[in-house]
Amino acid sequence: MMLSCIVGPTAAGKSAVAMHLAQQLGLAIISADSRQVYRGFDVGTAKPTAAERALVPHYGIDVADPAERYSAHRWAESAHVWMRDAEATGRAPLIVGGTGLYVRALVEPLDEVPALDVDRRAALAPFLDALSMPELERWCTRLDPARAPLGRTQRLRAIETALLSGRRLSDSLRPSDTGAPRTSSIRARYLVVDPGPILATRIEQRVHHMLQAGWEEEITRLMTTTAHDAPAWKASGYAVLREAVEGRMSRAAAIERVIIETRQYAKRQRTWFRHQLPAAQVTSLNPLAPDAMQQAMRWWQSVPTEGVSVA
């Protein structure tokens, strides 16, 4: 069976392409976004609006409490259920998102990430939070070298996993102990959406749009209901803007930092999709091309549209 996935960096235009296909073809969208799983974190994660969700069924959104850790393994297990549910309504599933590990977990099943003791994590947090990026890189290089080139959040998670569980996080995220992909009945093909150099400008514009849409007000509300160290706060931009809301950083400095961090995140996403997806199954799409939606439609129609029939 062949699964169709629309992927790409943040702010690239994946959702617009997916919504067009879903409305034209009667599809259901399965969100593969590690930030959109958390309830209440809406504006800064660019969740689909209520109107969009009324037009097209969406799965994988608002499925976790902000205090929960939501792994790729757990997402993949849930995605099988969501795909069956979509098929039961007569809609083919379309996977859409920028969290590459989620998508890969469907095709190459992963191990569950080690569970960490909450109290021990809390005790370790002040030490880890005080580490600079060079210090994090040194620690990560010693404890889990495969995660050392990644961003701050990924390094922190790798270090605490190694220290508290005695296991490398990267070992859990490999397809198998031997490095060979585990068998799966699902194959996938990918439409990689990327507008090119203008992405940096689109990211800046989207950050300002989110602010106008009430992102700071949302954070103020979340601060009264969500623990300071809840995993959901690690969604891009939230922790930085919270510092501004709390008065620990100027608003202008926070906005600039959010833009920079989001651009860095998009760069990491681009790198992942460039190197981790099988080239033979990848089709690239510039969403700003005059015929972008026609290209997307041809991509969808390029393989048989039989149901996924997830077992």
Protein backbone atom coordinates (compact mmCIF):
# COMPACT_ATOMS: atom_id res chain seq x y z
CA MET A 1 0.00 0.00 0.00
CA MET A 2 1.18 3.50 -0.77
CA LEU A 3 0.74 6.38 1.65
CA SER A 4 0.79 9.96 0.38
CA CYS A 5 2.62 12.54 2.49
CA ILE A 6 2.96 16.31 2.10
CA VAL A 7 6.03 17.47 4.03
CA GLY A 8 8.42 20.40 4.17
CA PRO A 9 9.75 23.14 6.45
CA THR A 10 7.57 25.33 8.62
CA ALA A 11 5.76 28.20 6.85
CA ALA A 12 6.42 26.61 3.44
CA GLY A 13 2.75 26.38 2.48
CA LYS A 14 2.04 22.69 3.13
CA SER A 15 -1.38 23.29 4.67
CA ALA A 16 -2.70 25.33 1.75
CA VAL A 17 -1.70 22.62 -0.72
CA ALA A 18 -3.18 19.91 1.49
CA MET A 19 -6.45 21.78 2.00
CA HIS A 20 -6.82 22.25 -1.75
CA LEU A 21 -6.33 18.54 -2.45
CA ALA A 22 -8.51 17.46 0.45
CA GLN A 23 -11.42 19.67 -0.61
CA GLN A 24 -11.16 18.72 -4.26
CA LEU A 25 -10.78 14.99 -3.65
CA GLY A 26 -12.64 14.39 -0.41
CA LEU A 27 -9.57 13.43 1.63
CA ALA A 28 -8.91 13.45 5.37
CA ILE A 29 -5.78 15.14 6.74
CA ILE A 30 -3.57 13.39 9.29
CA SER A 31 -1.40 16.02 10.98
CA ALA A 32 2.25 14.99 11.37
CA ASP A 33 3.22 17.99 13.48
CA SER A 34 4.73 17.39 16.92
CA ARG A 35 3.57 20.83 18.09
CA GLN A 36 -0.06 20.58 17.04
CA VAL A 37 -0.72 17.50 19.19
CA TYR A 38 -0.95 19.67 22.32
CA ARG A 39 -4.28 21.08 23.43
CA GLY A 40 -4.38 24.84 23.97
CA PHE A 41 -1.22 25.61 22.01
CA ASP A 42 -3.05 26.88 18.96
CA VAL A 43 -1.91 30.23 17.56
CA GLY A 44 1.85 29.66 17.67
CA THR A 45 1.59 26.20 16.14
CA ALA A 46 -0.54 27.40 13.20
CA LYS A 47 -3.28 24.87 13.82
CA PRO A 48 -6.02 24.74 11.19
CA THR A 49 -8.90 27.04 12.01
CA ALA A 50 -12.32 25.81 13.09
CA ALA A 51 -13.62 26.72 9.63
CA GLU A 52 -10.92 24.63 7.93
CA ARG A 53 -11.59 21.69 10.22
CA ALA A 54 -15.28 21.94 9.41
CA LEU A 55 -14.48 21.72 5.69
CA VAL A 56 -11.98 18.85 5.95
CA PRO A 57 -11.66 16.23 8.72
CA HIS A 58 -8.35 16.58 10.57
CA TYR A 59 -6.74 13.96 12.81
CA GLY A 60 -3.72 14.23 15.10
CA ILE A 61 -4.59 17.65 16.49
CA ASP A 62 -5.31 18.36 20.19
CA VAL A 63 -4.65 14.74 21.17
CA ALA A 64 -2.29 15.31 24.10
CA ASP A 65 -2.22 17.23 27.36
CA PRO A 66 0.56 19.88 27.42
CA ALA A 67 2.25 18.04 30.30
CA GLU A 68 2.59 14.79 28.32
CA ARG A 69 5.58 13.68 26.31
CA TYR A 70 4.32 12.60 22.91
CA SER A 71 6.75 10.38 21.02
CA ALA A 72 7.01 9.46 17.35
CA HIS A 73 6.27 5.87 18.35
CA ARG A 74 3.01 6.91 20.00
CA TRP A 75 2.04 9.13 17.09
CA ALA A 76 2.60 6.33 14.59
CA GLU A 77 0.46 3.92 16.61
CA SER A 78 -2.33 6.51 16.76
CA ALA A 79 -1.96 7.35 13.07
CA HIS A 80 -2.84 3.77 12.13
CA VAL A 81 -6.13 4.20 14.00
CA TRP A 82 -6.80 7.62 12.45
CA MET A 83 -6.19 6.25 8.95
CA ARG A 84 -8.63 3.42 9.54
CA ASP A 85 -11.17 5.91 10.89
CA ALA A 86 -10.76 8.09 7.80
CA GLU A 87 -11.19 5.14 5.48
CA ALA A 88 -14.33 4.11 7.35
CA THR A 89 -15.86 7.45 6.35
CA GLY A 90 -14.91 6.96 2.70
CA ARG A 91 -11.97 9.38 2.79
CA ALA A 92 -8.41 8.52 1.83
CA PRO A 93 -5.84 9.77 4.38
CA LEU A 94 -3.28 12.42 3.49
CA ILE A 95 -0.35 12.80 5.90
CA VAL A 96 0.66 16.46 6.27
CA GLY A 97 3.35 18.01 8.44
CA GLY A 98 6.91 18.99 9.13
CA THR A 99 7.88 16.41 11.77
CA GLY A 100 9.85 14.01 9.64
CA LEU A 101 10.38 11.46 12.38
CA TYR A 102 6.62 11.03 12.73
CA VAL A 103 6.30 10.19 9.06
CA ARG A 104 9.27 7.84 9.08
CA ALA A 105 7.87 6.02 12.11
CA LEU A 106 4.94 4.89 9.95
CA VAL A 107 7.17 3.35 7.31
CA GLU A 108 10.02 2.18 9.56
CA PRO A 109 8.55 1.40 13.00
CA LEU A 110 10.59 2.71 15.93
CA ASP A 111 11.10 1.68 19.53
CA GLU A 112 9.30 3.57 22.26
CA VAL A 113 11.46 6.31 23.80
CA PRO A 114 12.51 5.46 27.40
CA ALA A 115 10.16 6.84 30.05
CA LEU A 116 11.87 9.21 32.49
CA ASP A 117 11.08 9.70 36.16
CA VAL A 118 9.32 13.04 36.61
CA ASP A 119 11.01 13.95 39.92
CA ARG A 120 14.49 13.11 38.65
CA ARG A 121 13.87 15.15 35.51
CA ALA A 122 12.80 18.12 37.62
CA ALA A 123 15.95 17.83 39.74
CA LEU A 124 18.16 17.70 36.64
CA ALA A 125 16.42 20.55 34.79
CA PRO A 126 18.19 23.53 36.47
CA PHE A 127 21.59 22.08 35.61
CA LEU A 128 20.65 21.44 31.98
CA ASP A 129 18.91 24.79 31.51
CA ALA A 130 22.07 26.61 32.61
CA LEU A 131 24.24 24.96 29.96
CA SER A 132 25.30 27.00 26.94
CA MET A 133 24.99 25.61 23.43
CA PRO A 134 28.73 24.72 23.26
CA GLU A 135 28.44 22.96 26.63
CA LEU A 136 25.35 21.07 25.47
CA GLU A 137 27.22 19.98 22.36
CA ARG A 138 30.12 18.67 24.46
CA TRP A 139 27.81 16.75 26.79
CA CYS A 140 25.79 15.36 23.89
CA THR A 141 28.93 14.34 21.99
CA ARG A 142 29.97 12.23 24.99
CA LEU A 143 26.54 10.76 25.80
CA ASP A 144 24.74 10.51 22.45
CA PRO A 145 26.94 11.67 19.53
CA ALA A 146 24.24 11.16 16.90
CA ARG A 147 22.13 13.91 18.52
CA ALA A 148 24.98 16.41 19.00
CA PRO A 149 24.49 18.27 15.67
CA LEU A 150 20.82 19.00 16.46
CA GLY A 151 19.17 21.97 18.17
CA ARG A 152 19.04 22.86 21.85
CA THR A 153 15.80 21.03 22.63
CA GLN A 154 16.96 17.82 20.95
CA ARG A 155 20.32 17.96 22.76
CA LEU A 156 18.64 18.51 26.13
CA ARG A 157 16.34 15.55 25.58
CA ALA A 158 19.26 13.33 24.52
CA ILE A 159 21.35 14.27 27.56
CA GLU A 160 18.58 13.76 30.11
CA THR A 161 17.60 10.45 28.50
CA ALA A 162 21.17 9.18 28.69
CA LEU A 163 21.71 10.36 32.27
CA LEU A 164 18.36 9.18 33.66
CA SER A 165 17.77 5.97 31.72
CA GLY A 166 21.26 4.84 30.78
CA ARG A 167 20.13 4.56 27.15
CA ARG A 168 20.87 6.66 24.12
CA LEU A 169 17.84 8.39 22.69
CA SER A 170 19.26 7.89 19.19
CA ASP A 171 19.15 4.11 19.72
CA SER A 172 15.39 4.29 20.30
CA LEU A 173 14.93 6.40 17.18
CA ARG A 174 16.76 4.02 14.86
CA PRO A 175 14.65 1.78 12.65
CA SER A 176 16.19 -1.31 14.29
CA ASP A 177 19.12 -2.46 16.35
CA THR A 178 20.96 -3.52 13.21
CA GLY A 179 20.31 -0.28 11.34
CA ALA A 180 18.12 -2.09 8.81
CA PRO A 181 14.54 -0.87 8.40
CA ARG A 182 11.93 -2.97 10.16
CA THR A 183 9.36 -4.51 7.88
CA SER A 184 6.18 -2.53 7.33
CA SER A 185 3.22 -3.00 5.07
CA ILE A 186 3.21 0.73 4.37
CA ARG A 187 5.23 2.46 1.67
CA ALA A 188 5.19 6.21 1.20
CA ARG A 189 5.73 8.83 -1.45
CA TYR A 190 6.37 12.46 -0.60
CA LEU A 191 5.45 15.87 -1.95
CA VAL A 192 8.10 18.17 -0.46
CA VAL A 193 6.73 21.71 -0.38
CA ASP A 194 9.37 24.46 -0.27
CA PRO A 195 9.19 28.00 -1.72
CA GLY A 196 12.97 28.45 -1.78
CA PRO A 197 14.88 31.51 -0.49
CA ILE A 198 11.70 33.47 0.20
CA LEU A 199 10.97 31.12 3.10
CA ALA A 200 12.91 33.38 5.47
CA THR A 201 10.59 36.26 4.65
CA ARG A 202 7.51 34.06 4.95
CA ILE A 203 8.62 32.98 8.42
CA GLU A 204 8.97 36.60 9.56
CA GLN A 205 5.57 37.47 8.12
CA ARG A 206 3.94 34.48 9.79
CA VAL A 207 5.39 35.34 13.20
CA HIS A 208 3.91 38.82 12.95
CA HIS A 209 0.59 37.38 11.77
CA MET A 210 0.52 35.07 14.80
CA LEU A 211 1.17 38.00 17.10
CA GLN A 212 -1.71 39.89 15.52
CA ALA A 213 -3.88 36.80 15.96
CA GLY A 214 -3.34 36.82 19.73
CA TRP A 215 -0.30 34.65 20.36
CA GLU A 216 0.79 36.64 23.42
CA GLU A 217 -2.71 36.55 24.86
CA GLU A 218 -2.77 32.79 24.36
CA ILE A 219 0.52 32.46 26.24
CA THR A 220 -0.82 34.57 29.10
CA ARG A 221 -3.77 32.18 29.42
CA LEU A 222 -1.56 29.10 29.19
CA MET A 223 0.69 30.38 31.97
CA THR A 224 -2.25 30.00 34.37
CA THR A 225 -3.03 26.41 33.37
CA THR A 226 0.20 24.82 32.16
CA ALA A 227 3.26 23.92 34.23
CA HIS A 228 6.36 25.98 33.49
CA ASP A 229 8.31 22.87 32.45
CA ALA A 230 5.56 21.17 30.44
CA PRO A 231 6.86 19.66 27.15
CA ALA A 232 4.39 21.71 25.11
CA TRP A 233 6.29 24.91 25.93
CA LYS A 234 9.11 23.63 23.73
CA ALA A 235 7.01 24.33 20.64
CA SER A 236 8.87 26.87 18.53
CA GLY A 237 8.62 30.40 19.92
CA TYR A 238 6.51 29.76 23.00
CA ALA A 239 9.23 29.78 25.67
CA VAL A 240 10.82 32.91 24.21
CA LEU A 241 7.57 34.85 24.02
CA ARG A 242 6.72 33.72 27.53
CA GLU A 243 9.87 35.49 28.72
CA ALA A 244 8.57 38.70 27.15
CA VAL A 245 5.11 38.23 28.67
CA GLU A 246 6.76 37.70 32.06
CA GLY A 247 8.80 40.87 31.61
CA ARG A 248 12.15 39.09 31.50
CA MET A 249 12.86 40.16 27.91
CA SER A 250 11.76 43.07 25.76
CA ARG A 251 9.00 42.35 23.29
CA ALA A 252 11.13 43.48 20.33
CA ALA A 253 14.03 41.23 21.37
CA ALA A 254 11.70 38.27 21.86
CA ILE A 255 10.11 38.68 18.43
CA GLU A 256 13.52 38.88 16.77
CA ARG A 257 14.65 35.77 18.62
CA VAL A 258 11.50 33.85 17.66
CA ILE A 259 12.07 34.68 14.00
CA ILE A 260 15.71 33.57 14.18
CA GLU A 261 14.88 30.33 16.01
CA THR A 262 12.10 29.52 13.57
CA ARG A 263 14.42 30.04 10.62
CA GLN A 264 16.97 27.74 12.26
CA TYR A 265 14.25 25.14 12.82
CA ALA A 266 13.22 25.37 9.15
CA LYS A 267 16.84 24.88 8.12
CA ARG A 268 17.03 21.68 10.18
CA GLN A 269 13.77 20.46 8.64
CA ARG A 270 15.08 21.10 5.14
CA THR A 271 18.24 19.16 5.92
CA TRP A 272 16.26 16.24 7.34
CA PHE A 273 13.94 15.95 4.36
CA ARG A 274 16.84 16.31 1.93
CA HIS A 275 18.84 13.47 3.46
CA GLN A 276 16.30 11.14 5.06
CA LEU A 277 13.68 10.61 2.36
CA PRO A 278 14.23 8.13 -0.48
CA ALA A 279 14.90 10.26 -3.56
CA ALA A 280 12.92 7.98 -5.85
CA GLN A 281 9.75 8.68 -3.86
CA VAL A 282 10.18 12.47 -3.62
CA THR A 283 8.47 15.13 -5.74
CA SER A 284 9.38 18.76 -5.08
CA LEU A 285 6.83 21.57 -5.25
CA ASN A 286 7.25 25.33 -5.11
CA PRO A 287 3.87 26.46 -3.73
CA LEU A 288 4.35 29.90 -5.32
CA ALA A 289 4.48 28.52 -8.85
CA PRO A 290 1.48 29.65 -10.95
CA ASP A 291 0.42 26.05 -11.51
CA ALA A 292 1.34 24.74 -8.04
CA MET A 293 -2.09 23.31 -7.29
CA GLN A 294 -2.26 21.59 -10.68
CA GLN A 295 1.16 20.06 -10.01
CA ALA A 296 -0.05 18.84 -6.62
CA MET A 297 -3.12 17.29 -8.23
CA ARG A 298 -0.97 15.49 -10.81
CA TRP A 299 1.22 14.18 -8.01
CA TRP A 300 -1.79 12.75 -6.20
CA GLN A 301 -3.13 11.16 -9.36
CA SER A 302 0.22 9.66 -10.35
CA VAL A 303 -0.41 6.45 -8.36
CA PRO A 304 -3.51 4.29 -7.86
CA THR A 305 -5.84 5.71 -5.21
CA GLU A 306 -6.75 2.45 -3.50
CA GLY A 307 -7.36 2.66 0.21
CA VAL A 308 -4.52 2.31 2.64
CA SER A 309 -6.20 -0.59 4.47
CA VAL A 310 -4.00 -0.27 7.54
CA ALA A 311 -3.94 -3.55 9.47
